Amino acid sequence: MVSHYSHRVKTTIALEKDLLDKIDKYNPFPTRKQFLDQACEAYLRELRRRVIDDKLAAACSEAAAEDSAINEEWEAITLESWK
């Protein structure tokens, strides 16, 4: 996925030499900049997925607790007619 930014900001970062060497070795793009753009986008997608997964897990857990409470309430009512 190629992003097209409407506004670019120049920044300077310091990377460990070993990391830069690995980027240079495996970079499939013509420039480091393209590699870093794509790497950042991919990492941000993963972070967004984690946030969504965490929210979904919390919602499921909350719903399960609510279902359990409702089941306990109805179980007693249902068993009354069997006595």
PDB file of N, CA and C in Angstrom:
ATOM      1  N   MET A   1       0.842  -1.168   0.000  1.00  0.00           N
ATOM      2  CA  MET A   1       0.000   0.000   0.000  1.00  0.00           C
ATOM      3  C   MET A   1       0.887   1.231   0.000  1.00  0.00           C
ATOM      4  N   VAL A   2       0.784   2.034  -0.998  1.00  0.00           N
ATOM      5  CA  VAL A   2       1.588   3.242  -1.102  1.00  0.00           C
ATOM      6  C   VAL A   2       0.754   4.410  -0.619  1.00  0.00           C
ATOM      7  N   SER A   3       1.270   5.132   0.354  1.00  0.00           N
ATOM      8  CA  SER A   3       0.567   6.294   0.864  1.00  0.00           C
ATOM      9  C   SER A   3       1.050   7.534   0.140  1.00  0.00           C
ATOM     10  N   HIS A   4       0.132   8.407  -0.119  1.00  0.00           N
ATOM     11  CA  HIS A   4       0.475   9.680  -0.728  1.00  0.00           C
ATOM     12  C   HIS A   4       0.161  10.767   0.281  1.00  0.00           C
ATOM     13  N   TYR A   5       1.179  11.360   0.827  1.00  0.00           N
ATOM     14  CA  TYR A   5       0.996  12.374   1.843  1.00  0.00           C
ATOM     15  C   TYR A   5       0.823  13.732   1.189  1.00  0.00           C
ATOM     16  N   SER A   6      -0.121  14.495   1.686  1.00  0.00           N
ATOM     17  CA  SER A   6      -0.337  15.816   1.132  1.00  0.00           C
ATOM     18  C   SER A   6       0.667  16.809   1.702  1.00  0.00           C
ATOM     19  N   HIS A   7       1.232  16.487   2.843  1.00  0.00           N
ATOM     20  CA  HIS A   7       2.169  17.419   3.473  1.00  0.00           C
ATOM     21  C   HIS A   7       3.335  16.622   4.062  1.00  0.00           C
ATOM     22  N   ARG A   8       4.496  16.872   3.584  1.00  0.00           N
ATOM     23  CA  ARG A   8       5.683  16.174   4.084  1.00  0.00           C
ATOM     24  C   ARG A   8       6.430  17.070   5.065  1.00  0.00           C
ATOM     25  N   VAL A   9       7.006  16.438   6.076  1.00  0.00           N
ATOM     26  CA  VAL A   9       7.798  17.148   7.075  1.00  0.00           C
ATOM     27  C   VAL A   9       9.168  16.498   7.109  1.00  0.00           C
ATOM     28  N   LYS A  10      10.179  17.293   6.979  1.00  0.00           N
ATOM     29  CA  LYS A  10      11.536  16.769   7.028  1.00  0.00           C
ATOM     30  C   LYS A  10      11.904  16.531   8.485  1.00  0.00           C
ATOM     31  N   THR A  11      12.507  15.379   8.725  1.00  0.00           N
ATOM     32  CA  THR A  11      12.940  15.046  10.078  1.00  0.00           C
ATOM     33  C   THR A  11      14.298  14.367  10.005  1.00  0.00           C
ATOM     34  N   THR A  12      14.987  14.373  11.097  1.00  0.00           N
ATOM     35  CA  THR A  12      16.274  13.698  11.174  1.00  0.00           C
ATOM     36  C   THR A  12      16.210  12.708  12.325  1.00  0.00           C
ATOM     37  N   ILE A  13      16.635  11.487  12.060  1.00  0.00           N
ATOM     38  CA  ILE A  13      16.648  10.463  13.104  1.00  0.00           C
ATOM     39  C   ILE A  13      18.025   9.794  13.125  1.00  0.00           C
ATOM     40  N   ALA A  14      18.349   9.243  14.254  1.00  0.00           N
ATOM     41  CA  ALA A  14      19.598   8.487  14.384  1.00  0.00           C
ATOM     42  C   ALA A  14      19.234   7.018  14.538  1.00  0.00           C
ATOM     43  N   LEU A  15      19.798   6.183  13.688  1.00  0.00           N
ATOM     44  CA  LEU A  15      19.558   4.739  13.739  1.00  0.00           C
ATOM     45  C   LEU A  15      20.849   4.023  14.110  1.00  0.00           C
ATOM     46  N   GLU A  16      20.685   2.899  14.772  1.00  0.00           N
ATOM     47  CA  GLU A  16      21.850   2.068  15.060  1.00  0.00           C
ATOM     48  C   GLU A  16      22.459   1.605  13.740  1.00  0.00           C
ATOM     49  N   LYS A  17      23.785   1.543  13.677  1.00  0.00           N
ATOM     50  CA  LYS A  17      24.448   1.144  12.441  1.00  0.00           C
ATOM     51  C   LYS A  17      24.020  -0.253  11.994  1.00  0.00           C
ATOM     52  N   ASP A  18      23.886  -1.180  12.942  1.00  0.00           N
ATOM     53  CA  ASP A  18      23.462  -2.538  12.594  1.00  0.00           C
ATOM     54  C   ASP A  18      22.079  -2.541  11.928  1.00  0.00           C
ATOM     55  N   LEU A  19      21.173  -1.722  12.447  1.00  0.00           N
ATOM     56  CA  LEU A  19      19.840  -1.636  11.862  1.00  0.00           C
ATOM     57  C   LEU A  19      19.909  -1.052  10.450  1.00  0.00           C
ATOM     58  N   LEU A  20      20.684  -0.016  10.274  1.00  0.00           N
ATOM     59  CA  LEU A  20      20.830   0.600   8.953  1.00  0.00           C
ATOM     60  C   LEU A  20      21.462  -0.375   7.962  1.00  0.00           C
ATOM     61  N   ASP A  21      22.428  -1.153   8.433  1.00  0.00           N
ATOM     62  CA  ASP A  21      23.045  -2.168   7.563  1.00  0.00           C
ATOM     63  C   ASP A  21      22.009  -3.207   7.112  1.00  0.00           C
ATOM     64  N   LYS A  22      21.126  -3.624   8.032  1.00  0.00           N
ATOM     65  CA  LYS A  22      20.086  -4.593   7.680  1.00  0.00           C
ATOM     66  C   LYS A  22      19.094  -3.991   6.685  1.00  0.00           C
ATOM     67  N   ILE A  23      18.730  -2.735   6.916  1.00  0.00           N
ATOM     68  CA  ILE A  23      17.828  -2.054   5.983  1.00  0.00           C
ATOM     69  C   ILE A  23      18.454  -2.021   4.600  1.00  0.00           C
ATOM     70  N   ASP A  24      19.706  -1.636   4.536  1.00  0.00           N
ATOM     71  CA  ASP A  24      20.395  -1.566   3.236  1.00  0.00           C
ATOM     72  C   ASP A  24      20.487  -2.941   2.572  1.00  0.00           C
ATOM     73  N   LYS A  25      20.651  -3.964   3.369  1.00  0.00           N
ATOM     74  CA  LYS A  25      20.794  -5.312   2.820  1.00  0.00           C
ATOM     75  C   LYS A  25      19.475  -5.843   2.245  1.00  0.00           C
ATOM     76  N   TYR A  26      18.370  -5.581   2.931  1.00  0.00           N
ATOM     77  CA  TYR A  26      17.089  -6.173   2.548  1.00  0.00           C
ATOM     78  C   TYR A  26      16.103  -5.204   1.890  1.00  0.00           C
ATOM     79  N   ASN A  27      16.475  -3.971   1.731  1.00  0.00           N
ATOM     80  CA  ASN A  27      15.574  -2.957   1.189  1.00  0.00           C
ATOM     81  C   ASN A  27      15.198  -3.260  -0.268  1.00  0.00           C
ATOM     82  N   PRO A  28      13.900  -3.538  -0.528  1.00  0.00           N
ATOM     83  CA  PRO A  28      13.479  -3.806  -1.902  1.00  0.00           C
ATOM     84  C   PRO A  28      13.142  -2.527  -2.683  1.00  0.00           C
ATOM     85  N   PHE A  29      13.187  -1.392  -2.018  1.00  0.00           N
ATOM     86  CA  PHE A  29      12.826  -0.121  -2.637  1.00  0.00           C
ATOM     87  C   PHE A  29      14.066   0.615  -3.125  1.00  0.00           C
ATOM     88  N   PRO A  30      13.885   1.558  -4.020  1.00  0.00           N
ATOM     89  CA  PRO A  30      15.027   2.309  -4.537  1.00  0.00           C
ATOM     90  C   PRO A  30      15.706   3.204  -3.484  1.00  0.00           C
ATOM     91  N   THR A  31      14.944   3.607  -2.448  1.00  0.00           N
ATOM     92  CA  THR A  31      15.530   4.507  -1.449  1.00  0.00           C
ATOM     93  C   THR A  31      15.234   4.013  -0.035  1.00  0.00           C
ATOM     94  N   ARG A  32      16.049   4.442   0.903  1.00  0.00           N
ATOM     95  CA  ARG A  32      15.797   4.145   2.316  1.00  0.00           C
ATOM     96  C   ARG A  32      14.503   4.805   2.755  1.00  0.00           C
ATOM     97  N   LYS A  33      14.250   6.002   2.263  1.00  0.00           N
ATOM     98  CA  LYS A  33      13.050   6.729   2.625  1.00  0.00           C
ATOM     99  C   LYS A  33      11.803   5.911   2.305  1.00  0.00           C
ATOM    100  N   GLN A  34      11.747   5.323   1.127  1.00  0.00           N
ATOM    101  CA  GLN A  34      10.598   4.492   0.761  1.00  0.00           C
ATOM    102  C   GLN A  34      10.478   3.292   1.698  1.00  0.00           C
ATOM    103  N   PHE A  35      11.608   2.691   2.013  1.00  0.00           N
ATOM    104  CA  PHE A  35      11.598   1.558   2.939  1.00  0.00           C
ATOM    105  C   PHE A  35      11.041   1.980   4.291  1.00  0.00           C
ATOM    106  N   LEU A  36      11.541   3.073   4.834  1.00  0.00           N
ATOM    107  CA  LEU A  36      11.100   3.529   6.157  1.00  0.00           C
ATOM    108  C   LEU A  36       9.632   3.937   6.142  1.00  0.00           C
ATOM    109  N   ASP A  37       9.173   4.583   5.061  1.00  0.00           N
ATOM    110  CA  ASP A  37       7.746   4.914   4.938  1.00  0.00           C
ATOM    111  C   ASP A  37       6.903   3.645   5.030  1.00  0.00           C
ATOM    112  N   GLN A  38       7.269   2.633   4.247  1.00  0.00           N
ATOM    113  CA  GLN A  38       6.496   1.386   4.213  1.00  0.00           C
ATOM    114  C   GLN A  38       6.591   0.641   5.545  1.00  0.00           C
ATOM    115  N   ALA A  39       7.768   0.623   6.134  1.00  0.00           N
ATOM    116  CA  ALA A  39       7.949  -0.066   7.416  1.00  0.00           C
ATOM    117  C   ALA A  39       7.101   0.598   8.503  1.00  0.00           C
ATOM    118  N   CYS A  40       7.084   1.907   8.522  1.00  0.00           N
ATOM    119  CA  CYS A  40       6.275   2.626   9.519  1.00  0.00           C
ATOM    120  C   CYS A  40       4.792   2.367   9.299  1.00  0.00           C
ATOM    121  N   GLU A  41       4.336   2.423   8.062  1.00  0.00           N
ATOM    122  CA  GLU A  41       2.925   2.157   7.756  1.00  0.00           C
ATOM    123  C   GLU A  41       2.535   0.739   8.185  1.00  0.00           C
ATOM    124  N   ALA A  42       3.381  -0.233   7.889  1.00  0.00           N
ATOM    125  CA  ALA A  42       3.088  -1.620   8.262  1.00  0.00           C
ATOM    126  C   ALA A  42       3.019  -1.765   9.783  1.00  0.00           C
ATOM    127  N   TYR A  43       3.936  -1.136  10.492  1.00  0.00           N
ATOM    128  CA  TYR A  43       3.946  -1.226  11.944  1.00  0.00           C
ATOM    129  C   TYR A  43       2.715  -0.545  12.539  1.00  0.00           C
ATOM    130  N   LEU A  44       2.327   0.603  11.990  1.00  0.00           N
ATOM    131  CA  LEU A  44       1.138   1.297  12.469  1.00  0.00           C
ATOM    132  C   LEU A  44      -0.132   0.479  12.224  1.00  0.00           C
ATOM    133  N   ARG A  45      -0.207  -0.212  11.088  1.00  0.00           N
ATOM    134  CA  ARG A  45      -1.348  -1.092  10.831  1.00  0.00           C
ATOM    135  C   ARG A  45      -1.428  -2.180  11.900  1.00  0.00           C
ATOM    136  N   GLU A  46      -0.284  -2.751  12.238  1.00  0.00           N
ATOM    137  CA  GLU A  46      -0.244  -3.792  13.270  1.00  0.00           C
ATOM    138  C   GLU A  46      -0.677  -3.235  14.627  1.00  0.00           C
ATOM    139  N   LEU A  47      -0.226  -2.048  14.970  1.00  0.00           N
ATOM    140  CA  LEU A  47      -0.641  -1.436  16.237  1.00  0.00           C
ATOM    141  C   LEU A  47      -2.140  -1.182  16.264  1.00  0.00           C
ATOM    142  N   ARG A  48      -2.704  -0.700  15.153  1.00  0.00           N
ATOM    143  CA  ARG A  48      -4.148  -0.475  15.084  1.00  0.00           C
ATOM    144  C   ARG A  48      -4.898  -1.800  15.254  1.00  0.00           C
ATOM    145  N   ARG A  49      -4.404  -2.861  14.629  1.00  0.00           N
ATOM    146  CA  ARG A  49      -5.036  -4.179  14.780  1.00  0.00           C
ATOM    147  C   ARG A  49      -5.020  -4.634  16.238  1.00  0.00           C
ATOM    148  N   ARG A  50      -3.907  -4.413  16.903  1.00  0.00           N
ATOM    149  CA  ARG A  50      -3.804  -4.809  18.319  1.00  0.00           C
ATOM    150  C   ARG A  50      -4.813  -4.053  19.168  1.00  0.00           C
ATOM    151  N   VAL A  51      -4.964  -2.758  18.908  1.00  0.00           N
ATOM    152  CA  VAL A  51      -5.931  -1.956  19.664  1.00  0.00           C
ATOM    153  C   VAL A  51      -7.338  -2.487  19.429  1.00  0.00           C
ATOM    154  N   ILE A  52      -7.672  -2.766  18.177  1.00  0.00           N
ATOM    155  CA  ILE A  52      -8.993  -3.309  17.850  1.00  0.00           C
ATOM    156  C   ILE A  52      -9.181  -4.671  18.509  1.00  0.00           C
ATOM    157  N   ASP A  53      -8.168  -5.533  18.436  1.00  0.00           N
ATOM    158  CA  ASP A  53      -8.257  -6.861  19.065  1.00  0.00           C
ATOM    159  C   ASP A  53      -8.450  -6.747  20.570  1.00  0.00           C
ATOM    160  N   ASP A  54      -7.726  -5.826  21.206  1.00  0.00           N
ATOM    161  CA  ASP A  54      -7.859  -5.639  22.656  1.00  0.00           C
ATOM    162  C   ASP A  54      -9.262  -5.161  23.015  1.00  0.00           C
ATOM    163  N   LYS A  55      -9.793  -4.223  22.225  1.00  0.00           N
ATOM    164  CA  LYS A  55     -11.152  -3.728  22.483  1.00  0.00           C
ATOM    165  C   LYS A  55     -12.175  -4.835  22.284  1.00  0.00           C
ATOM    166  N   LEU A  56     -11.991  -5.637  21.254  1.00  0.00           N
ATOM    167  CA  LEU A  56     -12.907  -6.746  20.992  1.00  0.00           C
ATOM    168  C   LEU A  56     -12.848  -7.777  22.115  1.00  0.00           C
ATOM    169  N   ALA A  57     -11.652  -8.103  22.576  1.00  0.00           N
ATOM    170  CA  ALA A  57     -11.499  -9.065  23.666  1.00  0.00           C
ATOM    171  C   ALA A  57     -12.171  -8.547  24.935  1.00  0.00           C
ATOM    172  N   ALA A  58     -12.013  -7.258  25.215  1.00  0.00           N
ATOM    173  CA  ALA A  58     -12.642  -6.679  26.399  1.00  0.00           C
ATOM    174  C   ALA A  58     -14.165  -6.717  26.277  1.00  0.00           C
ATOM    175  N   ALA A  59     -14.675  -6.393  25.098  1.00  0.00           N
ATOM    176  CA  ALA A  59     -16.124  -6.416  24.881  1.00  0.00           C
ATOM    177  C   ALA A  59     -16.667  -7.845  25.012  1.00  0.00           C
ATOM    178  N   CYS A  60     -15.961  -8.821  24.467  1.00  0.00           N
ATOM    179  CA  CYS A  60     -16.386 -10.223  24.571  1.00  0.00           C
ATOM    180  C   CYS A  60     -16.378 -10.682  26.021  1.00  0.00           C
ATOM    181  N   SER A  61     -15.363 -10.296  26.761  1.00  0.00           N
ATOM    182  CA  SER A  61     -15.265 -10.675  28.164  1.00  0.00           C
ATOM    183  C   SER A  61     -16.418 -10.057  28.962  1.00  0.00           C
ATOM    184  N   GLU A  62     -16.707  -8.807  28.677  1.00  0.00           N
ATOM    185  CA  GLU A  62     -17.804  -8.123  29.356  1.00  0.00           C
ATOM    186  C   GLU A  62     -19.144  -8.786  29.019  1.00  0.00           C
ATOM    187  N   ALA A  63     -19.336  -9.111  27.749  1.00  0.00           N
ATOM    188  CA  ALA A  63     -20.576  -9.768  27.333  1.00  0.00           C
ATOM    189  C   ALA A  63     -20.698 -11.151  27.962  1.00  0.00           C
ATOM    190  N   ALA A  64     -19.600 -11.884  28.059  1.00  0.00           N
ATOM    191  CA  ALA A  64     -19.623 -13.221  28.669  1.00  0.00           C
ATOM    192  C   ALA A  64     -20.003 -13.129  30.141  1.00  0.00           C
ATOM    193  N   ALA A  65     -19.465 -12.129  30.833  1.00  0.00           N
ATOM    194  CA  ALA A  65     -19.795 -11.958  32.250  1.00  0.00           C
ATOM    195  C   ALA A  65     -21.279 -11.611  32.406  1.00  0.00           C
ATOM    196  N   GLU A  66     -21.771 -10.747  31.522  1.00  0.00           N
ATOM    197  CA  GLU A  66     -23.188 -10.379  31.562  1.00  0.00           C
ATOM    198  C   GLU A  66     -24.069 -11.595  31.258  1.00  0.00           C
ATOM    199  N   ASP A  67     -23.690 -12.377  30.252  1.00  0.00           N
ATOM    200  CA  ASP A  67     -24.449 -13.591  29.904  1.00  0.00           C
ATOM    201  C   ASP A  67     -24.472 -14.574  31.072  1.00  0.00           C
ATOM    202  N   SER A  68     -23.349 -14.713  31.738  1.00  0.00           N
ATOM    203  CA  SER A  68     -23.262 -15.640  32.871  1.00  0.00           C
ATOM    204  C   SER A  68     -24.195 -15.203  33.995  1.00  0.00           C
ATOM    205  N   ALA A  69     -24.225 -13.902  34.261  1.00  0.00           N
ATOM    206  CA  ALA A  69     -25.105 -13.389  35.316  1.00  0.00           C
ATOM    207  C   ALA A  69     -26.566 -13.613  34.953  1.00  0.00           C
ATOM    208  N   ILE A  70     -26.918 -13.367  33.706  1.00  0.00           N
ATOM    209  CA  ILE A  70     -28.300 -13.574  33.262  1.00  0.00           C
ATOM    210  C   ILE A  70     -28.658 -15.059  33.320  1.00  0.00           C
ATOM    211  N   ASN A  71     -27.735 -15.919  32.901  1.00  0.00           N
ATOM    212  CA  ASN A  71     -27.980 -17.361  32.944  1.00  0.00           C
ATOM    213  C   ASN A  71     -28.217 -17.844  34.367  1.00  0.00           C
ATOM    214  N   GLU A  72     -27.446 -17.340  35.318  1.00  0.00           N
ATOM    215  CA  GLU A  72     -27.626 -17.742  36.715  1.00  0.00           C
ATOM    216  C   GLU A  72     -28.999 -17.328  37.210  1.00  0.00           C
ATOM    217  N   GLU A  73     -29.429 -16.139  36.830  1.00  0.00           N
ATOM    218  CA  GLU A  73     -30.742 -15.643  37.246  1.00  0.00           C
ATOM    219  C   GLU A  73     -31.857 -16.506  36.652  1.00  0.00           C
ATOM    220  N   TRP A  74     -31.774 -16.808  35.375  1.00  0.00           N
ATOM    221  CA  TRP A  74     -32.818 -17.593  34.715  1.00  0.00           C
ATOM    222  C   TRP A  74     -32.772 -19.063  35.113  1.00  0.00           C
ATOM    223  N   GLU A  75     -31.598 -19.563  35.432  1.00  0.00           N
ATOM    224  CA  GLU A  75     -31.490 -20.963  35.817  1.00  0.00           C
ATOM    225  C   GLU A  75     -32.320 -21.241  37.065  1.00  0.00           C
ATOM    226  N   ALA A  76     -32.243 -20.351  38.027  1.00  0.00           N
ATOM    227  CA  ALA A  76     -33.031 -20.531  39.259  1.00  0.00           C
ATOM    228  C   ALA A  76     -34.518 -20.475  38.963  1.00  0.00           C
ATOM    229  N   ILE A  77     -34.943 -19.566  38.110  1.00  0.00           N
ATOM    230  CA  ILE A  77     -36.354 -19.439  37.753  1.00  0.00           C
ATOM    231  C   ILE A  77     -36.827 -20.669  37.006  1.00  0.00           C
ATOM    232  N   THR A  78     -36.029 -21.166  36.085  1.00  0.00           N
ATOM    233  CA  THR A  78     -36.393 -22.345  35.289  1.00  0.00           C
ATOM    234  C   THR A  78     -36.488 -23.586  36.158  1.00  0.00           C
ATOM    235  N   LEU A  79     -35.578 -23.725  37.110  1.00  0.00           N
ATOM    236  CA  LEU A  79     -35.588 -24.911  37.980  1.00  0.00           C
ATOM    237  C   LEU A  79     -36.768 -24.918  38.940  1.00  0.00           C
ATOM    238  N   GLU A  80     -37.340 -23.748  39.256  1.00  0.00           N
ATOM    239  CA  GLU A  80     -38.482 -23.693  40.167  1.00  0.00           C
ATOM    240  C   GLU A  80     -39.640 -24.548  39.669  1.00  0.00           C
ATOM    241  N   SER A  81     -39.853 -24.557  38.354  1.00  0.00           N
ATOM    242  CA  SER A  81     -40.995 -25.314  37.827  1.00  0.00           C
ATOM    243  C   SER A  81     -40.740 -26.819  37.841  1.00  0.00           C
ATOM    244  N   TRP A  82     -39.517 -27.255  38.080  1.00  0.00           N
ATOM    245  CA  TRP A  82     -39.185 -28.687  38.114  1.00  0.00           C
ATOM    246  C   TRP A  82     -39.293 -29.250  39.532  1.00  0.00           C
ATOM    247  N   LYS A  83     -39.507 -28.420  40.515  1.00  0.00           N
ATOM    248  CA  LYS A  83     -39.548 -28.901  41.900  1.00  0.00           C
ATOM    249  C   LYS A  83     -40.869 -29.492  42.245  1.00  0.00           C
TER     250      LYS A  83
END
